[in-house]
Amino acid sequence: MCRSIKQLRQKNVEPTPEEIHAAALQFVRKVSGYRAPSRRNQIAFDHAVGEIADATRRLFADATRRLFAALEPRTDGRNLKS
């Protein structure tokens, strides 16, 4: 199940709301062990997906510049791998 969670951070491309929701859904499925929760657990499951999606949106909104800057190659010669 973990393999289907794709990395959302890409240079100059913000993830779509659908991609964020899909990643949140996969995360909650993985940690809960439920592929599809029972009706009794559906509300808690959906709430967790929403919380993870919201946290992901905040992450991208607050840290976009730093995340994208980390993807830029260094040109000053420091920290370059041989």
Foldseek 3Di string as FASTA:
>chain_A
DVVPLDDQDDAPDHRDLVNLLVNLLVVLCVVVVHPQDDPVCNVVSVVSSVVSSVVVVVCCVVCVVVSNVVVDDDDVPPPDDD
